[in-house]
């Protein structure tokens, strides 16, 4: 699943070299799901032509963000308390910008 292979992810982010293939695959899959969910409704994002450079970079950045957040135990929001707490790690601004770039000049409608 996803736009990026394990090898491509490691080439784009050296921090991911410490993960074995299975572990990296899980993080890439989770990142892919988050990225696709953020994209606007439209074409089939699983098609090979949907694998743009910006989407690949966004997927790798998000995978690294999820991995780092798991290592440090830091998240932006926590729901619940005690052992049943759920920590949410949203897409950061840079990942969102790669997936849905904002135009430099606002459009008038």
PDB file of N, CA and C in Angstrom:
ATOM      1  N   UNK A   1       0.850  -1.173   0.000  1.00  0.00           N
ATOM      2  CA  UNK A   1       0.000   0.000   0.000  1.00  0.00           C
ATOM      3  C   UNK A   1       0.892   1.231   0.000  1.00  0.00           C
ATOM      4  N   UNK A   2       0.408   2.287  -0.591  1.00  0.00           N
ATOM      5  CA  UNK A   2       1.117   3.549  -0.513  1.00  0.00           C
ATOM      6  C   UNK A   2       1.864   3.910  -1.776  1.00  0.00           C
ATOM      7  N   UNK A   3       2.378   5.128  -1.782  1.00  0.00           N
ATOM      8  CA  UNK A   3       3.101   5.638  -2.931  1.00  0.00           C
ATOM      9  C   UNK A   3       4.591   5.331  -2.840  1.00  0.00           C
ATOM     10  N   UNK A   4       5.088   5.066  -1.632  1.00  0.00           N
ATOM     11  CA  UNK A   4       6.528   4.975  -1.402  1.00  0.00           C
ATOM     12  C   UNK A   4       6.913   3.569  -0.930  1.00  0.00           C
ATOM     13  N   UNK A   5       8.009   3.054  -1.473  1.00  0.00           N
ATOM     14  CA  UNK A   5       8.546   1.773  -1.002  1.00  0.00           C
ATOM     15  C   UNK A   5       9.456   2.024   0.201  1.00  0.00           C
ATOM     16  N   UNK A   6       9.793   0.966   0.903  1.00  0.00           N
ATOM     17  CA  UNK A   6      10.710   1.095   2.044  1.00  0.00           C
ATOM     18  C   UNK A   6      12.041   1.693   1.615  1.00  0.00           C
ATOM     19  N   UNK A   7      12.539   1.271   0.461  1.00  0.00           N
ATOM     20  CA  UNK A   7      13.832   1.758  -0.021  1.00  0.00           C
ATOM     21  C   UNK A   7      13.778   3.249  -0.328  1.00  0.00           C
ATOM     22  N   UNK A   8      12.696   3.683  -0.970  1.00  0.00           N
ATOM     23  CA  UNK A   8      12.545   5.113  -1.262  1.00  0.00           C
ATOM     24  C   UNK A   8      12.452   5.924   0.034  1.00  0.00           C
ATOM     25  N   UNK A   9      11.717   5.401   1.008  1.00  0.00           N
ATOM     26  CA  UNK A   9      11.565   6.107   2.286  1.00  0.00           C
ATOM     27  C   UNK A   9      12.912   6.271   2.971  1.00  0.00           C
ATOM     28  N   UNK A  10      13.705   5.228   2.968  1.00  0.00           N
ATOM     29  CA  UNK A  10      15.036   5.307   3.594  1.00  0.00           C
ATOM     30  C   UNK A  10      15.948   6.276   2.849  1.00  0.00           C
ATOM     31  N   UNK A  11      15.801   6.346   1.528  1.00  0.00           N
ATOM     32  CA  UNK A  11      16.610   7.277   0.736  1.00  0.00           C
ATOM     33  C   UNK A  11      16.209   8.728   1.020  1.00  0.00           C
ATOM     34  N   UNK A  12      14.923   8.953   1.301  1.00  0.00           N
ATOM     35  CA  UNK A  12      14.438  10.313   1.562  1.00  0.00           C
ATOM     36  C   UNK A  12      14.627  10.760   3.008  1.00  0.00           C
ATOM     37  N   UNK A  13      14.727   9.801   3.933  1.00  0.00           N
ATOM     38  CA  UNK A  13      14.870  10.152   5.350  1.00  0.00           C
ATOM     39  C   UNK A  13      15.782   9.141   6.032  1.00  0.00           C
ATOM     40  N   UNK A  14      17.004   9.548   6.320  1.00  0.00           N
ATOM     41  CA  UNK A  14      17.997   8.655   6.918  1.00  0.00           C
ATOM     42  C   UNK A  14      17.597   8.160   8.304  1.00  0.00           C
ATOM     43  N   UNK A  15      16.745   8.889   9.016  1.00  0.00           N
ATOM     44  CA  UNK A  15      16.301   8.464  10.344  1.00  0.00           C
ATOM     45  C   UNK A  15      15.556   7.136  10.288  1.00  0.00           C
ATOM     46  N   UNK A  16      14.952   6.842   9.149  1.00  0.00           N
ATOM     47  CA  UNK A  16      14.152   5.632   9.021  1.00  0.00           C
ATOM     48  C   UNK A  16      15.008   4.375   8.811  1.00  0.00           C
ATOM     49  N   UNK A  17      16.316   4.545   8.664  1.00  0.00           N
ATOM     50  CA  UNK A  17      17.226   3.399   8.518  1.00  0.00           C
ATOM     51  C   UNK A  17      17.219   2.484   9.732  1.00  0.00           C
ATOM     52  N   UNK A  18      16.839   3.013  10.875  1.00  0.00           N
ATOM     53  CA  UNK A  18      16.867   2.220  12.105  1.00  0.00           C
ATOM     54  C   UNK A  18      15.695   1.245  12.206  1.00  0.00           C
ATOM     55  N   UNK A  19      14.696   1.383  11.342  1.00  0.00           N
ATOM     56  CA  UNK A  19      13.518   0.521  11.383  1.00  0.00           C
ATOM     57  C   UNK A  19      13.691  -0.678  10.465  1.00  0.00           C
ATOM     58  N   UNK A  20      13.206  -1.843  10.904  1.00  0.00           N
ATOM     59  CA  UNK A  20      13.235  -2.995  10.003  1.00  0.00           C
ATOM     60  C   UNK A  20      12.110  -2.838   8.974  1.00  0.00           C
ATOM     61  N   UNK A  21      12.104  -3.688   7.954  1.00  0.00           N
ATOM     62  CA  UNK A  21      11.144  -3.543   6.861  1.00  0.00           C
ATOM     63  C   UNK A  21       9.690  -3.606   7.318  1.00  0.00           C
ATOM     64  N   UNK A  22       9.376  -4.508   8.213  1.00  0.00           N
ATOM     65  CA  UNK A  22       7.998  -4.648   8.683  1.00  0.00           C
ATOM     66  C   UNK A  22       7.543  -3.404   9.424  1.00  0.00           C
ATOM     67  N   UNK A  23       8.375  -2.937  10.348  1.00  0.00           N
ATOM     68  CA  UNK A  23       8.032  -1.757  11.139  1.00  0.00           C
ATOM     69  C   UNK A  23       7.888  -0.522  10.248  1.00  0.00           C
ATOM     70  N   UNK A  24       8.833  -0.326   9.341  1.00  0.00           N
ATOM     71  CA  UNK A  24       8.766   0.813   8.427  1.00  0.00           C
ATOM     72  C   UNK A  24       7.515   0.724   7.565  1.00  0.00           C
ATOM     73  N   UNK A  25       7.169  -0.473   7.114  1.00  0.00           N
ATOM     74  CA  UNK A  25       5.973  -0.655   6.299  1.00  0.00           C
ATOM     75  C   UNK A  25       4.706  -0.230   7.024  1.00  0.00           C
ATOM     76  N   UNK A  26       4.636  -0.533   8.312  1.00  0.00           N
ATOM     77  CA  UNK A  26       3.464  -0.141   9.104  1.00  0.00           C
ATOM     78  C   UNK A  26       3.377   1.377   9.196  1.00  0.00           C
ATOM     79  N   UNK A  27       4.492   2.042   9.471  1.00  0.00           N
ATOM     80  CA  UNK A  27       4.486   3.506   9.555  1.00  0.00           C
ATOM     81  C   UNK A  27       4.146   4.143   8.204  1.00  0.00           C
ATOM     82  N   UNK A  28       4.673   3.583   7.128  1.00  0.00           N
ATOM     83  CA  UNK A  28       4.359   4.118   5.801  1.00  0.00           C
ATOM     84  C   UNK A  28       2.885   3.920   5.459  1.00  0.00           C
ATOM     85  N   UNK A  29       2.315   2.777   5.832  1.00  0.00           N
ATOM     86  CA  UNK A  29       0.894   2.534   5.587  1.00  0.00           C
ATOM     87  C   UNK A  29       0.023   3.515   6.363  1.00  0.00           C
ATOM     88  N   UNK A  30       0.360   3.738   7.629  1.00  0.00           N
ATOM     89  CA  UNK A  30      -0.406   4.684   8.451  1.00  0.00           C
ATOM     90  C   UNK A  30      -0.291   6.092   7.879  1.00  0.00           C
ATOM     91  N   UNK A  31       0.898   6.466   7.443  1.00  0.00           N
ATOM     92  CA  UNK A  31       1.106   7.791   6.863  1.00  0.00           C
ATOM     93  C   UNK A  31       0.331   7.935   5.555  1.00  0.00           C
ATOM     94  N   UNK A  32       0.337   6.892   4.752  1.00  0.00           N
ATOM     95  CA  UNK A  32      -0.405   6.906   3.483  1.00  0.00           C
ATOM     96  C   UNK A  32      -1.892   7.126   3.737  1.00  0.00           C
ATOM     97  N   UNK A  33      -2.442   6.392   4.690  1.00  0.00           N
ATOM     98  CA  UNK A  33      -3.866   6.534   5.024  1.00  0.00           C
ATOM     99  C   UNK A  33      -4.186   7.963   5.458  1.00  0.00           C
ATOM    100  N   UNK A  34      -3.328   8.547   6.286  1.00  0.00           N
ATOM    101  CA  UNK A  34      -3.555   9.915   6.756  1.00  0.00           C
ATOM    102  C   UNK A  34      -3.461  10.909   5.603  1.00  0.00           C
ATOM    103  N   UNK A  35      -2.497  10.705   4.721  1.00  0.00           N
ATOM    104  CA  UNK A  35      -2.320  11.612   3.590  1.00  0.00           C
ATOM    105  C   UNK A  35      -3.494  11.533   2.628  1.00  0.00           C
ATOM    106  N   UNK A  36      -3.933  10.321   2.301  1.00  0.00           N
ATOM    107  CA  UNK A  36      -5.049  10.162   1.378  1.00  0.00           C
ATOM    108  C   UNK A  36      -6.328  10.748   1.983  1.00  0.00           C
ATOM    109  N   UNK A  37      -6.521  10.572   3.274  1.00  0.00           N
ATOM    110  CA  UNK A  37      -7.706  11.120   3.936  1.00  0.00           C
ATOM    111  C   UNK A  37      -7.714  12.649   3.868  1.00  0.00           C
ATOM    112  N   UNK A  38      -6.538  13.280   3.838  1.00  0.00           N
ATOM    113  CA  UNK A  38      -6.466  14.740   3.791  1.00  0.00           C
ATOM    114  C   UNK A  38      -6.669  15.278   2.377  1.00  0.00           C
ATOM    115  N   UNK A  39      -6.379  14.487   1.360  1.00  0.00           N
ATOM    116  CA  UNK A  39      -6.527  14.953  -0.017  1.00  0.00           C
ATOM    117  C   UNK A  39      -7.998  15.219  -0.336  1.00  0.00           C
ATOM    118  N   UNK A  40      -8.257  16.150  -1.240  1.00  0.00           N
ATOM    119  CA  UNK A  40      -9.658  16.423  -1.590  1.00  0.00           C
ATOM    120  C   UNK A  40     -10.289  15.216  -2.281  1.00  0.00           C
ATOM    121  N   UNK A  41     -11.599  15.134  -2.210  1.00  0.00           N
ATOM    122  CA  UNK A  41     -12.314  14.057  -2.885  1.00  0.00           C
ATOM    123  C   UNK A  41     -12.100  14.235  -4.375  1.00  0.00           C
ATOM    124  N   UNK A  42     -11.806  13.152  -5.044  1.00  0.00           N
ATOM    125  CA  UNK A  42     -11.576  13.284  -6.471  1.00  0.00           C
ATOM    126  C   UNK A  42     -11.077  12.000  -7.088  1.00  0.00           C
ATOM    127  N   UNK A  43      -9.944  12.087  -7.784  1.00  0.00           N
ATOM    128  CA  UNK A  43      -9.457  10.931  -8.535  1.00  0.00           C
ATOM    129  C   UNK A  43      -9.006   9.794  -7.626  1.00  0.00           C
ATOM    130  N   UNK A  44      -8.703   8.687  -8.266  1.00  0.00           N
ATOM    131  CA  UNK A  44      -8.210   7.509  -7.546  1.00  0.00           C
ATOM    132  C   UNK A  44      -6.752   7.750  -7.156  1.00  0.00           C
ATOM    133  N   UNK A  45      -6.517   8.008  -5.870  1.00  0.00           N
ATOM    134  CA  UNK A  45      -5.167   8.316  -5.404  1.00  0.00           C
ATOM    135  C   UNK A  45      -4.281   7.079  -5.303  1.00  0.00           C
ATOM    136  N   UNK A  46      -4.834   5.897  -5.522  1.00  0.00           N
ATOM    137  CA  UNK A  46      -4.030   4.684  -5.499  1.00  0.00           C
ATOM    138  C   UNK A  46      -3.457   4.368  -6.874  1.00  0.00           C
ATOM    139  N   UNK A  47      -3.893   5.081  -7.900  1.00  0.00           N
ATOM    140  CA  UNK A  47      -3.385   4.864  -9.252  1.00  0.00           C
ATOM    141  C   UNK A  47      -1.915   5.275  -9.325  1.00  0.00           C
ATOM    142  N   UNK A  48      -1.115   4.594 -10.155  1.00  0.00           N
ATOM    143  CA  UNK A  48       0.322   4.920 -10.250  1.00  0.00           C
ATOM    144  C   UNK A  48       0.602   6.383 -10.576  1.00  0.00           C
ATOM    145  N   UNK A  49      -0.230   7.000 -11.416  1.00  0.00           N
ATOM    146  CA  UNK A  49       0.010   8.411 -11.772  1.00  0.00           C
ATOM    147  C   UNK A  49      -0.288   9.369 -10.628  1.00  0.00           C
ATOM    148  N   UNK A  50      -0.926   8.876  -9.566  1.00  0.00           N
ATOM    149  CA  UNK A  50      -1.206   9.715  -8.398  1.00  0.00           C
ATOM    150  C   UNK A  50       0.015   9.867  -7.498  1.00  0.00           C
ATOM    151  N   UNK A  51       1.052   9.099  -7.756  1.00  0.00           N
ATOM    152  CA  UNK A  51       2.257   9.120  -6.917  1.00  0.00           C
ATOM    153  C   UNK A  51       3.172  10.274  -7.314  1.00  0.00           C
ATOM    154  N   UNK A  52       2.730  11.500  -7.044  1.00  0.00           N
ATOM    155  CA  UNK A  52       3.545  12.665  -7.357  1.00  0.00           C
ATOM    156  C   UNK A  52       4.689  12.780  -6.353  1.00  0.00           C
ATOM    157  N   UNK A  53       5.688  13.562  -6.709  1.00  0.00           N
ATOM    158  CA  UNK A  53       6.835  13.755  -5.814  1.00  0.00           C
ATOM    159  C   UNK A  53       6.403  14.346  -4.480  1.00  0.00           C
ATOM    160  N   UNK A  54       5.511  15.324  -4.517  1.00  0.00           N
ATOM    161  CA  UNK A  54       5.087  15.967  -3.265  1.00  0.00           C
ATOM    162  C   UNK A  54       4.326  14.983  -2.377  1.00  0.00           C
ATOM    163  N   UNK A  55       3.527  14.107  -2.953  1.00  0.00           N
ATOM    164  CA  UNK A  55       2.803  13.118  -2.150  1.00  0.00           C
ATOM    165  C   UNK A  55       3.753  12.098  -1.536  1.00  0.00           C
ATOM    166  N   UNK A  56       4.763  11.708  -2.302  1.00  0.00           N
ATOM    167  CA  UNK A  56       5.752  10.760  -1.766  1.00  0.00           C
ATOM    168  C   UNK A  56       6.504  11.381  -0.585  1.00  0.00           C
ATOM    169  N   UNK A  57       6.930  12.625  -0.746  1.00  0.00           N
ATOM    170  CA  UNK A  57       7.646  13.301   0.340  1.00  0.00           C
ATOM    171  C   UNK A  57       6.734  13.462   1.547  1.00  0.00           C
ATOM    172  N   UNK A  58       5.473  13.828   1.306  1.00  0.00           N
ATOM    173  CA  UNK A  58       4.520  13.989   2.403  1.00  0.00           C
ATOM    174  C   UNK A  58       4.330  12.683   3.161  1.00  0.00           C
ATOM    175  N   UNK A  59       4.225  11.569   2.438  1.00  0.00           N
ATOM    176  CA  UNK A  59       4.052  10.272   3.087  1.00  0.00           C
ATOM    177  C   UNK A  59       5.260   9.928   3.961  1.00  0.00           C
ATOM    178  N   UNK A  60       6.453  10.167   3.455  1.00  0.00           N
ATOM    179  CA  UNK A  60       7.666   9.875   4.228  1.00  0.00           C
ATOM    180  C   UNK A  60       7.773  10.801   5.438  1.00  0.00           C
ATOM    181  N   UNK A  61       7.465  12.087   5.250  1.00  0.00           N
ATOM    182  CA  UNK A  61       7.504  13.026   6.376  1.00  0.00           C
ATOM    183  C   UNK A  61       6.510  12.616   7.455  1.00  0.00           C
ATOM    184  N   UNK A  62       5.305  12.228   7.042  1.00  0.00           N
ATOM    185  CA  UNK A  62       4.290  11.836   8.017  1.00  0.00           C
ATOM    186  C   UNK A  62       4.692  10.542   8.729  1.00  0.00           C
ATOM    187  N   UNK A  63       5.269   9.594   7.993  1.00  0.00           N
ATOM    188  CA  UNK A  63       5.735   8.348   8.625  1.00  0.00           C
ATOM    189  C   UNK A  63       6.796   8.658   9.673  1.00  0.00           C
ATOM    190  N   UNK A  64       7.735   9.544   9.332  1.00  0.00           N
ATOM    191  CA  UNK A  64       8.779   9.923  10.285  1.00  0.00           C
ATOM    192  C   UNK A  64       8.183  10.657  11.486  1.00  0.00           C
ATOM    193  N   UNK A  65       7.185  11.514  11.242  1.00  0.00           N
ATOM    194  CA  UNK A  65       6.525  12.231  12.348  1.00  0.00           C
ATOM    195  C   UNK A  65       5.841  11.259  13.303  1.00  0.00           C
ATOM    196  N   UNK A  66       5.140  10.281  12.754  1.00  0.00           N
ATOM    197  CA  UNK A  66       4.459   9.289  13.597  1.00  0.00           C
ATOM    198  C   UNK A  66       5.486   8.494  14.393  1.00  0.00           C
ATOM    199  N   UNK A  67       6.549   8.076  13.732  1.00  0.00           N
ATOM    200  CA  UNK A  67       7.595   7.291  14.398  1.00  0.00           C
ATOM    201  C   UNK A  67       8.242   8.088  15.530  1.00  0.00           C
ATOM    202  N   UNK A  68       8.584   9.361  15.250  1.00  0.00           N
ATOM    203  CA  UNK A  68       9.193  10.206  16.289  1.00  0.00           C
ATOM    204  C   UNK A  68       8.250  10.422  17.464  1.00  0.00           C
ATOM    205  N   UNK A  69       6.980  10.643  17.155  1.00  0.00           N
ATOM    206  CA  UNK A  69       6.015  10.893  18.228  1.00  0.00           C
ATOM    207  C   UNK A  69       5.852   9.655  19.110  1.00  0.00           C
ATOM    208  N   UNK A  70       5.961   8.488  18.534  1.00  0.00           N
ATOM    209  CA  UNK A  70       5.873   7.258  19.323  1.00  0.00           C
ATOM    210  C   UNK A  70       7.101   7.083  20.209  1.00  0.00           C
ATOM    211  N   UNK A  71       8.246   7.506  19.725  1.00  0.00           N
ATOM    212  CA  UNK A  71       9.492   7.387  20.496  1.00  0.00           C
ATOM    213  C   UNK A  71       9.519   8.349  21.661  1.00  0.00           C
ATOM    214  N   UNK A  72       9.016   9.569  21.437  1.00  0.00           N
ATOM    215  CA  UNK A  72       9.088  10.583  22.491  1.00  0.00           C
ATOM    216  C   UNK A  72       7.863  10.577  23.377  1.00  0.00           C
ATOM    217  N   UNK A  73       6.783   9.974  22.887  1.00  0.00           N
ATOM    218  CA  UNK A  73       5.549   9.943  23.670  1.00  0.00           C
ATOM    219  C   UNK A  73       4.831  11.274  23.713  1.00  0.00           C
ATOM    220  N   UNK A  74       5.146  12.145  22.756  1.00  0.00           N
ATOM    221  CA  UNK A  74       4.488  13.451  22.768  1.00  0.00           C
ATOM    222  C   UNK A  74       3.443  13.510  21.681  1.00  0.00           C
ATOM    223  N   UNK A  75       2.319  14.058  22.005  1.00  0.00           N
ATOM    224  CA  UNK A  75       1.242  14.236  21.045  1.00  0.00           C
ATOM    225  C   UNK A  75       0.576  15.571  21.295  1.00  0.00           C
ATOM    226  N   UNK A  76      -0.226  16.003  20.355  1.00  0.00           N
ATOM    227  CA  UNK A  76      -0.867  17.295  20.512  1.00  0.00           C
ATOM    228  C   UNK A  76      -2.124  17.240  21.358  1.00  0.00           C
ATOM    229  N   UNK A  77      -2.836  16.146  21.278  1.00  0.00           N
ATOM    230  CA  UNK A  77      -4.120  16.057  21.965  1.00  0.00           C
ATOM    231  C   UNK A  77      -4.256  14.679  22.588  1.00  0.00           C
ATOM    232  N   UNK A  78      -4.814  14.638  23.763  1.00  0.00           N
ATOM    233  CA  UNK A  78      -5.045  13.353  24.404  1.00  0.00           C
ATOM    234  C   UNK A  78      -6.491  13.286  24.855  1.00  0.00           C
ATOM    235  N   UNK A  79      -7.142  12.185  24.522  1.00  0.00           N
ATOM    236  CA  UNK A  79      -8.526  11.952  24.928  1.00  0.00           C
ATOM    237  C   UNK A  79      -8.538  10.819  25.929  1.00  0.00           C
ATOM    238  N   UNK A  80      -9.341  10.935  26.952  1.00  0.00           N
ATOM    239  CA  UNK A  80      -9.423   9.884  27.957  1.00  0.00           C
ATOM    240  C   UNK A  80      -8.416  10.121  29.056  1.00  0.00           C
ATOM    241  N   UNK A  81      -8.322   9.143  29.937  1.00  0.00           N
ATOM    242  CA  UNK A  81      -7.404   9.275  31.059  1.00  0.00           C
ATOM    243  C   UNK A  81      -6.784   7.922  31.379  1.00  0.00           C
ATOM    244  N   UNK A  82      -5.625   7.973  32.006  1.00  0.00           N
ATOM    245  CA  UNK A  82      -4.972   6.747  32.463  1.00  0.00           C
ATOM    246  C   UNK A  82      -4.585   5.831  31.332  1.00  0.00           C
ATOM    247  N   UNK A  83      -4.747   4.540  31.554  1.00  0.00           N
ATOM    248  CA  UNK A  83      -4.303   3.562  30.567  1.00  0.00           C
ATOM    249  C   UNK A  83      -5.181   3.522  29.324  1.00  0.00           C
ATOM    250  N   UNK A  84      -6.336   4.195  29.347  1.00  0.00           N
ATOM    251  CA  UNK A  84      -7.237   4.186  28.202  1.00  0.00           C
ATOM    252  C   UNK A  84      -7.144   5.461  27.377  1.00  0.00           C
ATOM    253  N   UNK A  85      -6.114   6.267  27.602  1.00  0.00           N
ATOM    254  CA  UNK A  85      -5.945   7.525  26.870  1.00  0.00           C
ATOM    255  C   UNK A  85      -5.550   7.229  25.427  1.00  0.00           C
ATOM    256  N   UNK A  86      -6.044   8.068  24.527  1.00  0.00           N
ATOM    257  CA  UNK A  86      -5.704   7.980  23.119  1.00  0.00           C
ATOM    258  C   UNK A  86      -5.031   9.285  22.746  1.00  0.00           C
ATOM    259  N   UNK A  87      -3.812   9.210  22.227  1.00  0.00           N
ATOM    260  CA  UNK A  87      -3.094  10.403  21.808  1.00  0.00           C
ATOM    261  C   UNK A  87      -3.232  10.550  20.300  1.00  0.00           C
ATOM    262  N   UNK A  88      -3.547  11.750  19.843  1.00  0.00           N
ATOM    263  CA  UNK A  88      -3.775  12.021  18.432  1.00  0.00           C
ATOM    264  C   UNK A  88      -2.575  12.787  17.882  1.00  0.00           C
ATOM    265  N   UNK A  89      -2.067  12.354  16.739  1.00  0.00           N
ATOM    266  CA  UNK A  89      -0.933  12.998  16.086  1.00  0.00           C
ATOM    267  C   UNK A  89      -1.385  13.481  14.704  1.00  0.00           C
ATOM    268  N   UNK A  90      -1.814  14.731  14.589  1.00  0.00           N
ATOM    269  CA  UNK A  90      -2.327  15.227  13.310  1.00  0.00           C
ATOM    270  C   UNK A  90      -1.215  15.463  12.298  1.00  0.00           C
ATOM    271  N   UNK A  91      -1.615  15.667  11.055  1.00  0.00           N
ATOM    272  CA  UNK A  91      -0.658  16.031  10.012  1.00  0.00           C
ATOM    273  C   UNK A  91      -0.104  17.411  10.331  1.00  0.00           C
ATOM    274  N   UNK A  92       1.195  17.580  10.206  1.00  0.00           N
ATOM    275  CA  UNK A  92       1.741  18.906  10.467  1.00  0.00           C
ATOM    276  C   UNK A  92       1.584  19.794   9.224  1.00  0.00           C
ATOM    277  N   UNK A  93       1.867  21.079   9.388  1.00  0.00           N
ATOM    278  CA  UNK A  93       1.660  22.057   8.325  1.00  0.00           C
ATOM    279  C   UNK A  93       2.425  21.692   7.058  1.00  0.00           C
ATOM    280  N   UNK A  94       3.671  21.244   7.203  1.00  0.00           N
ATOM    281  CA  UNK A  94       4.492  20.937   6.028  1.00  0.00           C
ATOM    282  C   UNK A  94       3.905  19.799   5.209  1.00  0.00           C
ATOM    283  N   UNK A  95       3.392  18.782   5.875  1.00  0.00           N
ATOM    284  CA  UNK A  95       2.774  17.658   5.176  1.00  0.00           C
ATOM    285  C   UNK A  95       1.505  18.139   4.469  1.00  0.00           C
ATOM    286  N   UNK A  96       0.683  18.925   5.163  1.00  0.00           N
ATOM    287  CA  UNK A  96      -0.542  19.452   4.557  1.00  0.00           C
ATOM    288  C   UNK A  96      -0.219  20.300   3.325  1.00  0.00           C
ATOM    289  N   UNK A  97       0.826  21.116   3.414  1.00  0.00           N
ATOM    290  CA  UNK A  97       1.213  21.982   2.304  1.00  0.00           C
ATOM    291  C   UNK A  97       1.630  21.159   1.086  1.00  0.00           C
ATOM    292  N   UNK A  98       2.290  20.034   1.304  1.00  0.00           N
ATOM    293  CA  UNK A  98       2.675  19.171   0.189  1.00  0.00           C
ATOM    294  C   UNK A  98       1.454  18.511  -0.455  1.00  0.00           C
ATOM    295  N   UNK A  99       0.459  18.190   0.341  1.00  0.00           N
ATOM    296  CA  UNK A  99      -0.722  17.499  -0.174  1.00  0.00           C
ATOM    297  C   UNK A  99      -1.738  18.442  -0.810  1.00  0.00           C
ATOM    298  N   UNK A 100      -1.928  19.613  -0.203  1.00  0.00           N
ATOM    299  CA  UNK A 100      -2.864  20.620  -0.712  1.00  0.00           C
ATOM    300  C   UNK A 100      -2.186  21.977  -0.676  1.00  0.00           C
ATOM    301  N   UNK A 101      -1.334  22.276  -1.648  1.00  0.00           N
ATOM    302  CA  UNK A 101      -0.598  23.551  -1.615  1.00  0.00           C
ATOM    303  C   UNK A 101      -1.533  24.749  -1.659  1.00  0.00           C
ATOM    304  N   UNK A 102      -1.207  25.737  -0.849  1.00  0.00           N
ATOM    305  CA  UNK A 102      -1.972  26.995  -0.869  1.00  0.00           C
ATOM    306  C   UNK A 102      -1.409  27.858  -1.984  1.00  0.00           C
ATOM    307  N   UNK A 103      -2.288  28.544  -2.646  1.00  0.00           N
ATOM    308  CA  UNK A 103      -1.869  29.409  -3.736  1.00  0.00           C
ATOM    309  C   UNK A 103      -1.196  30.657  -3.187  1.00  0.00           C
ATOM    310  N   UNK A 104      -0.229  31.176  -3.907  1.00  0.00           N
ATOM    311  CA  UNK A 104       0.469  32.373  -3.482  1.00  0.00           C
ATOM    312  C   UNK A 104      -0.403  33.612  -3.520  1.00  0.00           C
ATOM    313  N   UNK A 105      -1.313  33.659  -4.466  1.00  0.00           N
ATOM    314  CA  UNK A 105      -2.223  34.794  -4.610  1.00  0.00           C
ATOM    315  C   UNK A 105      -3.641  34.277  -4.400  1.00  0.00           C
ATOM    316  N   UNK A 106      -4.340  34.849  -3.412  1.00  0.00           N
ATOM    317  CA  UNK A 106      -5.714  34.382  -3.187  1.00  0.00           C
ATOM    318  C   UNK A 106      -6.596  34.579  -4.412  1.00  0.00           C
ATOM    319  N   UNK A 107      -7.445  33.633  -4.663  1.00  0.00           N
ATOM    320  CA  UNK A 107      -8.373  33.729  -5.804  1.00  0.00           C
ATOM    321  C   UNK A 107      -9.615  34.499  -5.394  1.00  0.00           C
ATOM    322  N   UNK A 108     -10.118  35.304  -6.307  1.00  0.00           N
ATOM    323  CA  UNK A 108     -11.348  36.036  -6.055  1.00  0.00           C
ATOM    324  C   UNK A 108     -12.467  35.271  -6.734  1.00  0.00           C
ATOM    325  N   UNK A 109     -13.497  35.014  -5.957  1.00  0.00           N
ATOM    326  CA  UNK A 109     -14.624  34.245  -6.520  1.00  0.00           C
ATOM    327  C   UNK A 109     -15.859  35.055  -6.520  1.00  0.00           C
TER     328      UNK A 109
END
